[in-house]
Amino acid sequence: MQYLGANVPQAWAAGSVFHLLRAVLGLDANAHEQSLYVSPKLPKWLPEITLHNLRVAQANLTIRFWREQETTRFEVTSNNGSIRVANSVEARLRVG
C-alpha cells in the first residue's frame, strides 16, 4: 500500500542504469554489419565491470572492461556468434 507523497519509481528510471553503462562503455551495436563498437571510459569509482550474455544480433558476448591508470581496456572473453568487437576510436582511425 502506498502512502500520500511516496516517490513511486518511474519506468524511465529502470532503464537509466543501462543508458549509463552504454554511455560509459561507448557501446554502439550494428547488427546488420555484425559489429559491436566500444569506446570505454570507466570512471575512477568503477575500476572494472564485466558484461555477461550481451546480445547483439544472434550472438551472445561476455566482455570485461577495466581501468589501467587513465586508460580503459577491454577483452572479449566469450563470443558465441559471428560478431566483431572493435574499439570505435581505432576503427575510425583506420577508415579515416
PDB file of N, CA and C in Angstrom:
ATOM      1  N   MET A   1       0.835  -1.178   0.000  1.00  0.00           N
ATOM      2  CA  MET A   1       0.000   0.000   0.000  1.00  0.00           C
ATOM      3  C   MET A   1       0.880   1.242   0.000  1.00  0.00           C
ATOM      4  N   GLN A   2       0.574   2.164  -0.885  1.00  0.00           N
ATOM      5  CA  GLN A   2       1.343   3.401  -0.970  1.00  0.00           C
ATOM      6  C   GLN A   2       0.742   4.439  -0.034  1.00  0.00           C
ATOM      7  N   TYR A   3       1.581   5.351   0.368  1.00  0.00           N
ATOM      8  CA  TYR A   3       1.094   6.457   1.170  1.00  0.00           C
ATOM      9  C   TYR A   3       1.236   7.749   0.376  1.00  0.00           C
ATOM     10  N   LEU A   4       0.474   8.731   0.744  1.00  0.00           N
ATOM     11  CA  LEU A   4       0.498  10.002   0.026  1.00  0.00           C
ATOM     12  C   LEU A   4       1.900  10.599   0.061  1.00  0.00           C
ATOM     13  N   GLY A   5       2.330  11.094  -1.069  1.00  0.00           N
ATOM     14  CA  GLY A   5       3.644  11.730  -1.164  1.00  0.00           C
ATOM     15  C   GLY A   5       4.783  10.754  -1.415  1.00  0.00           C
ATOM     16  N   ALA A   6       4.461   9.454  -1.593  1.00  0.00           N
ATOM     17  CA  ALA A   6       5.511   8.470  -1.853  1.00  0.00           C
ATOM     18  C   ALA A   6       6.111   8.705  -3.235  1.00  0.00           C
ATOM     19  N   ASN A   7       7.391   8.490  -3.345  1.00  0.00           N
ATOM     20  CA  ASN A   7       8.066   8.602  -4.638  1.00  0.00           C
ATOM     21  C   ASN A   7       8.016   7.241  -5.322  1.00  0.00           C
ATOM     22  N   VAL A   8       7.044   7.051  -6.164  1.00  0.00           N
ATOM     23  CA  VAL A   8       6.881   5.797  -6.883  1.00  0.00           C
ATOM     24  C   VAL A   8       7.897   5.767  -8.024  1.00  0.00           C
ATOM     25  N   PRO A   9       8.696   4.677  -8.138  1.00  0.00           N
ATOM     26  CA  PRO A   9       9.671   4.613  -9.235  1.00  0.00           C
ATOM     27  C   PRO A   9       8.988   4.738 -10.590  1.00  0.00           C
ATOM     28  N   GLN A  10       9.615   5.464 -11.448  1.00  0.00           N
ATOM     29  CA  GLN A  10       9.096   5.653 -12.799  1.00  0.00           C
ATOM     30  C   GLN A  10       9.721   4.619 -13.738  1.00  0.00           C
ATOM     31  N   ALA A  11       9.037   4.290 -14.807  1.00  0.00           N
ATOM     32  CA  ALA A  11       9.547   3.308 -15.765  1.00  0.00           C
ATOM     33  C   ALA A  11      10.863   3.762 -16.387  1.00  0.00           C
ATOM     34  N   TRP A  12      11.022   5.054 -16.661  1.00  0.00           N
ATOM     35  CA  TRP A  12      12.261   5.547 -17.270  1.00  0.00           C
ATOM     36  C   TRP A  12      13.442   5.343 -16.332  1.00  0.00           C
ATOM     37  N   ALA A  13      13.211   5.344 -15.029  1.00  0.00           N
ATOM     38  CA  ALA A  13      14.305   5.185 -14.070  1.00  0.00           C
ATOM     39  C   ALA A  13      14.907   3.787 -14.148  1.00  0.00           C
ATOM     40  N   ALA A  14      14.107   2.790 -14.468  1.00  0.00           N
ATOM     41  CA  ALA A  14      14.611   1.425 -14.567  1.00  0.00           C
ATOM     42  C   ALA A  14      15.624   1.290 -15.710  1.00  0.00           C
ATOM     43  N   GLY A  15      15.445   2.036 -16.776  1.00  0.00           N
ATOM     44  CA  GLY A  15      16.357   1.972 -17.909  1.00  0.00           C
ATOM     45  C   GLY A  15      17.586   2.841 -17.778  1.00  0.00           C
ATOM     46  N   SER A  16      17.624   3.687 -16.782  1.00  0.00           N
ATOM     47  CA  SER A  16      18.737   4.639 -16.669  1.00  0.00           C
ATOM     48  C   SER A  16      20.074   3.946 -16.423  1.00  0.00           C
ATOM     49  N   VAL A  17      20.074   2.825 -15.722  1.00  0.00           N
ATOM     50  CA  VAL A  17      21.322   2.094 -15.475  1.00  0.00           C
ATOM     51  C   VAL A  17      21.905   1.600 -16.794  1.00  0.00           C
ATOM     52  N   PHE A  18      21.058   1.103 -17.675  1.00  0.00           N
ATOM     53  CA  PHE A  18      21.529   0.593 -18.960  1.00  0.00           C
ATOM     54  C   PHE A  18      22.031   1.729 -19.860  1.00  0.00           C
ATOM     55  N   HIS A  19      21.379   2.873 -19.791  1.00  0.00           N
ATOM     56  CA  HIS A  19      21.857   4.028 -20.555  1.00  0.00           C
ATOM     57  C   HIS A  19      23.193   4.517 -20.022  1.00  0.00           C
ATOM     58  N   LEU A  20      23.369   4.485 -18.706  1.00  0.00           N
ATOM     59  CA  LEU A  20      24.649   4.868 -18.105  1.00  0.00           C
ATOM     60  C   LEU A  20      25.760   3.928 -18.570  1.00  0.00           C
ATOM     61  N   LEU A  21      25.499   2.616 -18.536  1.00  0.00           N
ATOM     62  CA  LEU A  21      26.501   1.653 -18.998  1.00  0.00           C
ATOM     63  C   LEU A  21      26.833   1.853 -20.468  1.00  0.00           C
ATOM     64  N   ARG A  22      25.832   2.090 -21.282  1.00  0.00           N
ATOM     65  CA  ARG A  22      26.071   2.305 -22.707  1.00  0.00           C
ATOM     66  C   ARG A  22      26.947   3.538 -22.926  1.00  0.00           C
ATOM     67  N   ALA A  23      26.694   4.593 -22.166  1.00  0.00           N
ATOM     68  CA  ALA A  23      27.479   5.819 -22.309  1.00  0.00           C
ATOM     69  C   ALA A  23      28.904   5.632 -21.803  1.00  0.00           C
ATOM     70  N   VAL A  24      29.070   5.008 -20.652  1.00  0.00           N
ATOM     71  CA  VAL A  24      30.400   4.832 -20.058  1.00  0.00           C
ATOM     72  C   VAL A  24      31.256   3.883 -20.896  1.00  0.00           C
ATOM     73  N   LEU A  25      30.645   2.870 -21.460  1.00  0.00           N
ATOM     74  CA  LEU A  25      31.392   1.890 -22.248  1.00  0.00           C
ATOM     75  C   LEU A  25      31.415   2.227 -23.732  1.00  0.00           C
ATOM     76  N   GLY A  26      30.683   3.229 -24.140  1.00  0.00           N
ATOM     77  CA  GLY A  26      30.657   3.634 -25.537  1.00  0.00           C
ATOM     78  C   GLY A  26      30.149   2.536 -26.448  1.00  0.00           C
ATOM     79  N   LEU A  27      29.123   1.817 -26.026  1.00  0.00           N
ATOM     80  CA  LEU A  27      28.601   0.700 -26.808  1.00  0.00           C
ATOM     81  C   LEU A  27      27.784   1.197 -27.987  1.00  0.00           C
ATOM     82  N   ASP A  28      28.093   0.665 -29.163  1.00  0.00           N
ATOM     83  CA  ASP A  28      27.361   1.013 -30.380  1.00  0.00           C
ATOM     84  C   ASP A  28      27.253  -0.250 -31.229  1.00  0.00           C
ATOM     85  N   ALA A  29      26.119  -0.913 -31.137  1.00  0.00           N
ATOM     86  CA  ALA A  29      25.923  -2.176 -31.852  1.00  0.00           C
ATOM     87  C   ALA A  29      25.360  -1.917 -33.246  1.00  0.00           C
ATOM     88  N   ASN A  30      25.840  -2.697 -34.204  1.00  0.00           N
ATOM     89  CA  ASN A  30      25.318  -2.653 -35.558  1.00  0.00           C
ATOM     90  C   ASN A  30      25.089  -4.104 -35.991  1.00  0.00           C
ATOM     91  N   ALA A  31      23.882  -4.595 -35.764  1.00  0.00           N
ATOM     92  CA  ALA A  31      23.566  -5.991 -36.056  1.00  0.00           C
ATOM     93  C   ALA A  31      23.696  -6.286 -37.546  1.00  0.00           C
ATOM     94  N   HIS A  32      23.338  -5.329 -38.396  1.00  0.00           N
ATOM     95  CA  HIS A  32      23.428  -5.533 -39.850  1.00  0.00           C
ATOM     96  C   HIS A  32      24.871  -5.807 -40.280  1.00  0.00           C
ATOM     97  N   GLU A  33      25.820  -5.090 -39.703  1.00  0.00           N
ATOM     98  CA  GLU A  33      27.244  -5.282 -40.029  1.00  0.00           C
ATOM     99  C   GLU A  33      27.902  -6.346 -39.157  1.00  0.00           C
ATOM    100  N   GLN A  34      27.137  -6.962 -38.257  1.00  0.00           N
ATOM    101  CA  GLN A  34      27.678  -7.963 -37.338  1.00  0.00           C
ATOM    102  C   GLN A  34      28.849  -7.386 -36.539  1.00  0.00           C
ATOM    103  N   SER A  35      28.664  -6.166 -36.019  1.00  0.00           N
ATOM    104  CA  SER A  35      29.735  -5.472 -35.299  1.00  0.00           C
ATOM    105  C   SER A  35      29.227  -4.848 -34.010  1.00  0.00           C
ATOM    106  N   LEU A  36      30.121  -4.786 -33.037  1.00  0.00           N
ATOM    107  CA  LEU A  36      29.897  -4.046 -31.810  1.00  0.00           C
ATOM    108  C   LEU A  36      31.114  -3.158 -31.621  1.00  0.00           C
ATOM    109  N   TYR A  37      30.884  -1.858 -31.612  1.00  0.00           N
ATOM    110  CA  TYR A  37      31.958  -0.909 -31.385  1.00  0.00           C
ATOM    111  C   TYR A  37      31.901  -0.444 -29.939  1.00  0.00           C
ATOM    112  N   VAL A  38      33.066  -0.316 -29.329  1.00  0.00           N
ATOM    113  CA  VAL A  38      33.151   0.157 -27.953  1.00  0.00           C
ATOM    114  C   VAL A  38      34.153   1.304 -27.889  1.00  0.00           C
ATOM    115  N   SER A  39      33.913   2.194 -26.978  1.00  0.00           N
ATOM    116  CA  SER A  39      34.824   3.304 -26.705  1.00  0.00           C
ATOM    117  C   SER A  39      34.751   3.569 -25.197  1.00  0.00           C
ATOM    118  N   PRO A  40      35.308   2.642 -24.404  1.00  0.00           N
ATOM    119  CA  PRO A  40      35.094   2.692 -22.960  1.00  0.00           C
ATOM    120  C   PRO A  40      35.905   3.765 -22.242  1.00  0.00           C
ATOM    121  N   LYS A  41      35.308   4.335 -21.233  1.00  0.00           N
ATOM    122  CA  LYS A  41      35.966   5.312 -20.360  1.00  0.00           C
ATOM    123  C   LYS A  41      35.364   5.141 -18.967  1.00  0.00           C
ATOM    124  N   LEU A  42      35.904   4.176 -18.211  1.00  0.00           N
ATOM    125  CA  LEU A  42      35.373   3.908 -16.880  1.00  0.00           C
ATOM    126  C   LEU A  42      35.751   5.028 -15.914  1.00  0.00           C
ATOM    127  N   PRO A  43      34.808   5.454 -15.092  1.00  0.00           N
ATOM    128  CA  PRO A  43      35.118   6.452 -14.069  1.00  0.00           C
ATOM    129  C   PRO A  43      35.969   5.824 -12.959  1.00  0.00           C
ATOM    130  N   LYS A  44      36.624   6.649 -12.177  1.00  0.00           N
ATOM    131  CA  LYS A  44      37.501   6.150 -11.112  1.00  0.00           C
ATOM    132  C   LYS A  44      36.757   5.279 -10.113  1.00  0.00           C
ATOM    133  N   TRP A  45      35.480   5.562  -9.881  1.00  0.00           N
ATOM    134  CA  TRP A  45      34.711   4.793  -8.900  1.00  0.00           C
ATOM    135  C   TRP A  45      34.275   3.430  -9.430  1.00  0.00           C
ATOM    136  N   LEU A  46      34.540   3.142 -10.711  1.00  0.00           N
ATOM    137  CA  LEU A  46      34.179   1.853 -11.306  1.00  0.00           C
ATOM    138  C   LEU A  46      35.407   1.288 -12.017  1.00  0.00           C
ATOM    139  N   PRO A  47      36.323   0.643 -11.280  1.00  0.00           N
ATOM    140  CA  PRO A  47      37.573   0.190 -11.884  1.00  0.00           C
ATOM    141  C   PRO A  47      37.443  -1.005 -12.823  1.00  0.00           C
ATOM    142  N   GLU A  48      36.361  -1.766 -12.702  1.00  0.00           N
ATOM    143  CA  GLU A  48      36.208  -2.955 -13.548  1.00  0.00           C
ATOM    144  C   GLU A  48      34.739  -3.336 -13.633  1.00  0.00           C
ATOM    145  N   ILE A  49      34.350  -3.833 -14.800  1.00  0.00           N
ATOM    146  CA  ILE A  49      32.984  -4.342 -14.977  1.00  0.00           C
ATOM    147  C   ILE A  49      33.019  -5.392 -16.088  1.00  0.00           C
ATOM    148  N   THR A  50      32.215  -6.417 -15.907  1.00  0.00           N
ATOM    149  CA  THR A  50      32.093  -7.469 -16.917  1.00  0.00           C
ATOM    150  C   THR A  50      30.625  -7.589 -17.316  1.00  0.00           C
ATOM    151  N   LEU A  51      30.374  -7.556 -18.606  1.00  0.00           N
ATOM    152  CA  LEU A  51      29.021  -7.749 -19.130  1.00  0.00           C
ATOM    153  C   LEU A  51      28.900  -9.190 -19.600  1.00  0.00           C
ATOM    154  N   HIS A  52      27.941  -9.907 -19.049  1.00  0.00           N
ATOM    155  CA  HIS A  52      27.693 -11.298 -19.424  1.00  0.00           C
ATOM    156  C   HIS A  52      26.422 -11.361 -20.268  1.00  0.00           C
ATOM    157  N   ASN A  53      26.423 -12.271 -21.228  1.00  0.00           N
ATOM    158  CA  ASN A  53      25.241 -12.517 -22.070  1.00  0.00           C
ATOM    159  C   ASN A  53      24.755 -11.259 -22.771  1.00  0.00           C
ATOM    160  N   LEU A  54      25.684 -10.435 -23.230  1.00  0.00           N
ATOM    161  CA  LEU A  54      25.333  -9.258 -24.025  1.00  0.00           C
ATOM    162  C   LEU A  54      24.933  -9.759 -25.408  1.00  0.00           C
ATOM    163  N   ARG A  55      23.731  -9.462 -25.798  1.00  0.00           N
ATOM    164  CA  ARG A  55      23.202  -9.999 -27.048  1.00  0.00           C
ATOM    165  C   ARG A  55      23.278  -8.954 -28.156  1.00  0.00           C
ATOM    166  N   VAL A  56      23.929  -9.325 -29.258  1.00  0.00           N
ATOM    167  CA  VAL A  56      23.983  -8.500 -30.466  1.00  0.00           C
ATOM    168  C   VAL A  56      23.648  -9.422 -31.626  1.00  0.00           C
ATOM    169  N   ALA A  57      22.564  -9.118 -32.325  1.00  0.00           N
ATOM    170  CA  ALA A  57      22.051  -9.987 -33.397  1.00  0.00           C
ATOM    171  C   ALA A  57      21.843 -11.382 -32.815  1.00  0.00           C
ATOM    172  N   GLN A  58      22.474 -12.388 -33.383  1.00  0.00           N
ATOM    173  CA  GLN A  58      22.315 -13.762 -32.897  1.00  0.00           C
ATOM    174  C   GLN A  58      23.445 -14.197 -31.972  1.00  0.00           C
ATOM    175  N   ALA A  59      24.329 -13.283 -31.608  1.00  0.00           N
ATOM    176  CA  ALA A  59      25.495 -13.624 -30.791  1.00  0.00           C
ATOM    177  C   ALA A  59      25.283 -13.256 -29.327  1.00  0.00           C
ATOM    178  N   ASN A  60      25.927 -14.013 -28.454  1.00  0.00           N
ATOM    179  CA  ASN A  60      26.000 -13.712 -27.025  1.00  0.00           C
ATOM    180  C   ASN A  60      27.462 -13.473 -26.680  1.00  0.00           C
ATOM    181  N   LEU A  61      27.736 -12.363 -26.022  1.00  0.00           N
ATOM    182  CA  LEU A  61      29.113 -11.994 -25.698  1.00  0.00           C
ATOM    183  C   LEU A  61      29.302 -11.828 -24.204  1.00  0.00           C
ATOM    184  N   THR A  62      30.526 -12.044 -23.768  1.00  0.00           N
ATOM    185  CA  THR A  62      30.965 -11.629 -22.446  1.00  0.00           C
ATOM    186  C   THR A  62      32.176 -10.749 -22.669  1.00  0.00           C
ATOM    187  N   ILE A  63      32.113  -9.526 -22.160  1.00  0.00           N
ATOM    188  CA  ILE A  63      33.204  -8.566 -22.346  1.00  0.00           C
ATOM    189  C   ILE A  63      33.601  -8.010 -20.983  1.00  0.00           C
ATOM    190  N   ARG A  64      34.888  -8.019 -20.726  1.00  0.00           N
ATOM    191  CA  ARG A  64      35.432  -7.472 -19.477  1.00  0.00           C
ATOM    192  C   ARG A  64      36.087  -6.130 -19.787  1.00  0.00           C
ATOM    193  N   PHE A  65      35.765  -5.110 -18.981  1.00  0.00           N
ATOM    194  CA  PHE A  65      36.354  -3.780 -19.092  1.00  0.00           C
ATOM    195  C   PHE A  65      37.085  -3.483 -17.781  1.00  0.00           C
ATOM    196  N   TRP A  66      38.251  -2.864 -17.857  1.00  0.00           N
ATOM    197  CA  TRP A  66      38.985  -2.497 -16.655  1.00  0.00           C
ATOM    198  C   TRP A  66      39.841  -1.264 -16.907  1.00  0.00           C
ATOM    199  N   ARG A  67      40.163  -0.574 -15.812  1.00  0.00           N
ATOM    200  CA  ARG A  67      40.994   0.638 -15.881  1.00  0.00           C
ATOM    201  C   ARG A  67      42.447   0.300 -15.588  1.00  0.00           C
ATOM    202  N   GLU A  68      43.341   0.888 -16.363  1.00  0.00           N
ATOM    203  CA  GLU A  68      44.772   0.888 -16.080  1.00  0.00           C
ATOM    204  C   GLU A  68      45.181   2.352 -16.074  1.00  0.00           C
ATOM    205  N   GLN A  69      45.395   2.910 -14.883  1.00  0.00           N
ATOM    206  CA  GLN A  69      45.579   4.342 -14.691  1.00  0.00           C
ATOM    207  C   GLN A  69      44.420   5.100 -15.338  1.00  0.00           C
ATOM    208  N   GLU A  70      44.663   5.868 -16.367  1.00  0.00           N
ATOM    209  CA  GLU A  70      43.604   6.662 -17.003  1.00  0.00           C
ATOM    210  C   GLU A  70      43.031   6.001 -18.249  1.00  0.00           C
ATOM    211  N   THR A  71      43.526   4.829 -18.592  1.00  0.00           N
ATOM    212  CA  THR A  71      43.084   4.141 -19.801  1.00  0.00           C
ATOM    213  C   THR A  71      42.145   2.997 -19.450  1.00  0.00           C
ATOM    214  N   THR A  72      41.064   2.873 -20.194  1.00  0.00           N
ATOM    215  CA  THR A  72      40.150   1.747 -20.023  1.00  0.00           C
ATOM    216  C   THR A  72      40.411   0.747 -21.132  1.00  0.00           C
ATOM    217  N   ARG A  73      40.613  -0.486 -20.739  1.00  0.00           N
ATOM    218  CA  ARG A  73      40.878  -1.568 -21.687  1.00  0.00           C
ATOM    219  C   ARG A  73      39.701  -2.546 -21.668  1.00  0.00           C
ATOM    220  N   PHE A  74      39.660  -3.412 -22.679  1.00  0.00           N
ATOM    221  CA  PHE A  74      38.605  -4.425 -22.724  1.00  0.00           C
ATOM    222  C   PHE A  74      39.116  -5.685 -23.388  1.00  0.00           C
ATOM    223  N   GLU A  75      38.464  -6.792 -23.052  1.00  0.00           N
ATOM    224  CA  GLU A  75      38.725  -8.059 -23.730  1.00  0.00           C
ATOM    225  C   GLU A  75      37.422  -8.824 -23.847  1.00  0.00           C
ATOM    226  N   VAL A  76      37.261  -9.487 -24.973  1.00  0.00           N
ATOM    227  CA  VAL A  76      36.101 -10.340 -25.191  1.00  0.00           C
ATOM    228  C   VAL A  76      36.486 -11.716 -24.664  1.00  0.00           C
ATOM    229  N   THR A  77      35.821 -12.151 -23.616  1.00  0.00           N
ATOM    230  CA  THR A  77      36.155 -13.449 -23.022  1.00  0.00           C
ATOM    231  C   THR A  77      35.308 -14.575 -23.593  1.00  0.00           C
ATOM    232  N   SER A  78      34.200 -14.226 -24.242  1.00  0.00           N
ATOM    233  CA  SER A  78      33.357 -15.235 -24.868  1.00  0.00           C
ATOM    234  C   SER A  78      32.562 -14.572 -25.984  1.00  0.00           C
ATOM    235  N   ASN A  79      32.528 -15.235 -27.147  1.00  0.00           N
ATOM    236  CA  ASN A  79      31.782 -14.731 -28.300  1.00  0.00           C
ATOM    237  C   ASN A  79      31.123 -15.916 -28.982  1.00  0.00           C
ATOM    238  N   ASN A  80      29.880 -16.158 -28.643  1.00  0.00           N
ATOM    239  CA  ASN A  80      29.138 -17.275 -29.230  1.00  0.00           C
ATOM    240  C   ASN A  80      28.333 -16.757 -30.416  1.00  0.00           C
ATOM    241  N   GLY A  81      29.031 -16.450 -31.486  1.00  0.00           N
ATOM    242  CA  GLY A  81      28.394 -15.924 -32.682  1.00  0.00           C
ATOM    243  C   GLY A  81      29.455 -15.356 -33.602  1.00  0.00           C
ATOM    244  N   SER A  82      29.019 -14.556 -34.560  1.00  0.00           N
ATOM    245  CA  SER A  82      29.958 -14.012 -35.548  1.00  0.00           C
ATOM    246  C   SER A  82      30.093 -12.492 -35.425  1.00  0.00           C
ATOM    247  N   ILE A  83      29.931 -11.954 -34.215  1.00  0.00           N
ATOM    248  CA  ILE A  83      30.042 -10.510 -34.007  1.00  0.00           C
ATOM    249  C   ILE A  83      31.503 -10.111 -33.871  1.00  0.00           C
ATOM    250  N   ARG A  84      31.882  -9.057 -34.566  1.00  0.00           N
ATOM    251  CA  ARG A  84      33.223  -8.480 -34.462  1.00  0.00           C
ATOM    252  C   ARG A  84      33.146  -7.346 -33.454  1.00  0.00           C
ATOM    253  N   VAL A  85      34.056  -7.355 -32.475  1.00  0.00           N
ATOM    254  CA  VAL A  85      34.103  -6.303 -31.469  1.00  0.00           C
ATOM    255  C   VAL A  85      35.358  -5.481 -31.717  1.00  0.00           C
ATOM    256  N   ALA A  86      35.189  -4.158 -31.829  1.00  0.00           N
ATOM    257  CA  ALA A  86      36.322  -3.281 -32.120  1.00  0.00           C
ATOM    258  C   ALA A  86      36.201  -1.995 -31.321  1.00  0.00           C
ATOM    259  N   ASN A  87      37.341  -1.405 -31.037  1.00  0.00           N
ATOM    260  CA  ASN A  87      37.370  -0.091 -30.408  1.00  0.00           C
ATOM    261  C   ASN A  87      36.948   0.919 -31.459  1.00  0.00           C
ATOM    262  N   SER A  88      35.910   1.676 -31.197  1.00  0.00           N
ATOM    263  CA  SER A  88      35.368   2.586 -32.213  1.00  0.00           C
ATOM    264  C   SER A  88      36.347   3.685 -32.573  1.00  0.00           C
ATOM    265  N   VAL A  89      37.188   4.116 -31.649  1.00  0.00           N
ATOM    266  CA  VAL A  89      38.191   5.149 -31.953  1.00  0.00           C
ATOM    267  C   VAL A  89      39.213   4.592 -32.928  1.00  0.00           C
ATOM    268  N   GLU A  90      39.725   3.387 -32.662  1.00  0.00           N
ATOM    269  CA  GLU A  90      40.694   2.777 -33.558  1.00  0.00           C
ATOM    270  C   GLU A  90      40.086   2.460 -34.918  1.00  0.00           C
ATOM    271  N   ALA A  91      38.834   2.020 -34.946  1.00  0.00           N
ATOM    272  CA  ALA A  91      38.162   1.726 -36.214  1.00  0.00           C
ATOM    273  C   ALA A  91      38.025   2.964 -37.069  1.00  0.00           C
ATOM    274  N   ARG A  92      37.693   4.108 -36.442  1.00  0.00           N
ATOM    275  CA  ARG A  92      37.575   5.359 -37.197  1.00  0.00           C
ATOM    276  C   ARG A  92      38.918   5.817 -37.739  1.00  0.00           C
ATOM    277  N   LEU A  93      39.990   5.602 -36.981  1.00  0.00           N
ATOM    278  CA  LEU A  93      41.320   5.986 -37.452  1.00  0.00           C
ATOM    279  C   LEU A  93      41.724   5.172 -38.674  1.00  0.00           C
ATOM    280  N   ARG A  94      41.376   3.888 -38.709  1.00  0.00           N
ATOM    281  CA  ARG A  94      41.706   3.043 -39.848  1.00  0.00           C
ATOM    282  C   ARG A  94      40.934   3.454 -41.098  1.00  0.00           C
ATOM    283  N   VAL A  95      39.681   3.848 -40.918  1.00  0.00           N
ATOM    284  CA  VAL A  95      38.833   4.236 -42.054  1.00  0.00           C
ATOM    285  C   VAL A  95      39.236   5.609 -42.567  1.00  0.00           C
ATOM    286  N   GLY A  96      39.470   6.534 -41.641  1.00  0.00           N
ATOM    287  CA  GLY A  96      39.759   7.919 -41.998  1.00  0.00           C
ATOM    288  C   GLY A  96      41.136   8.082 -42.425  1.00  0.00           C
TER     289      GLY A  96
END
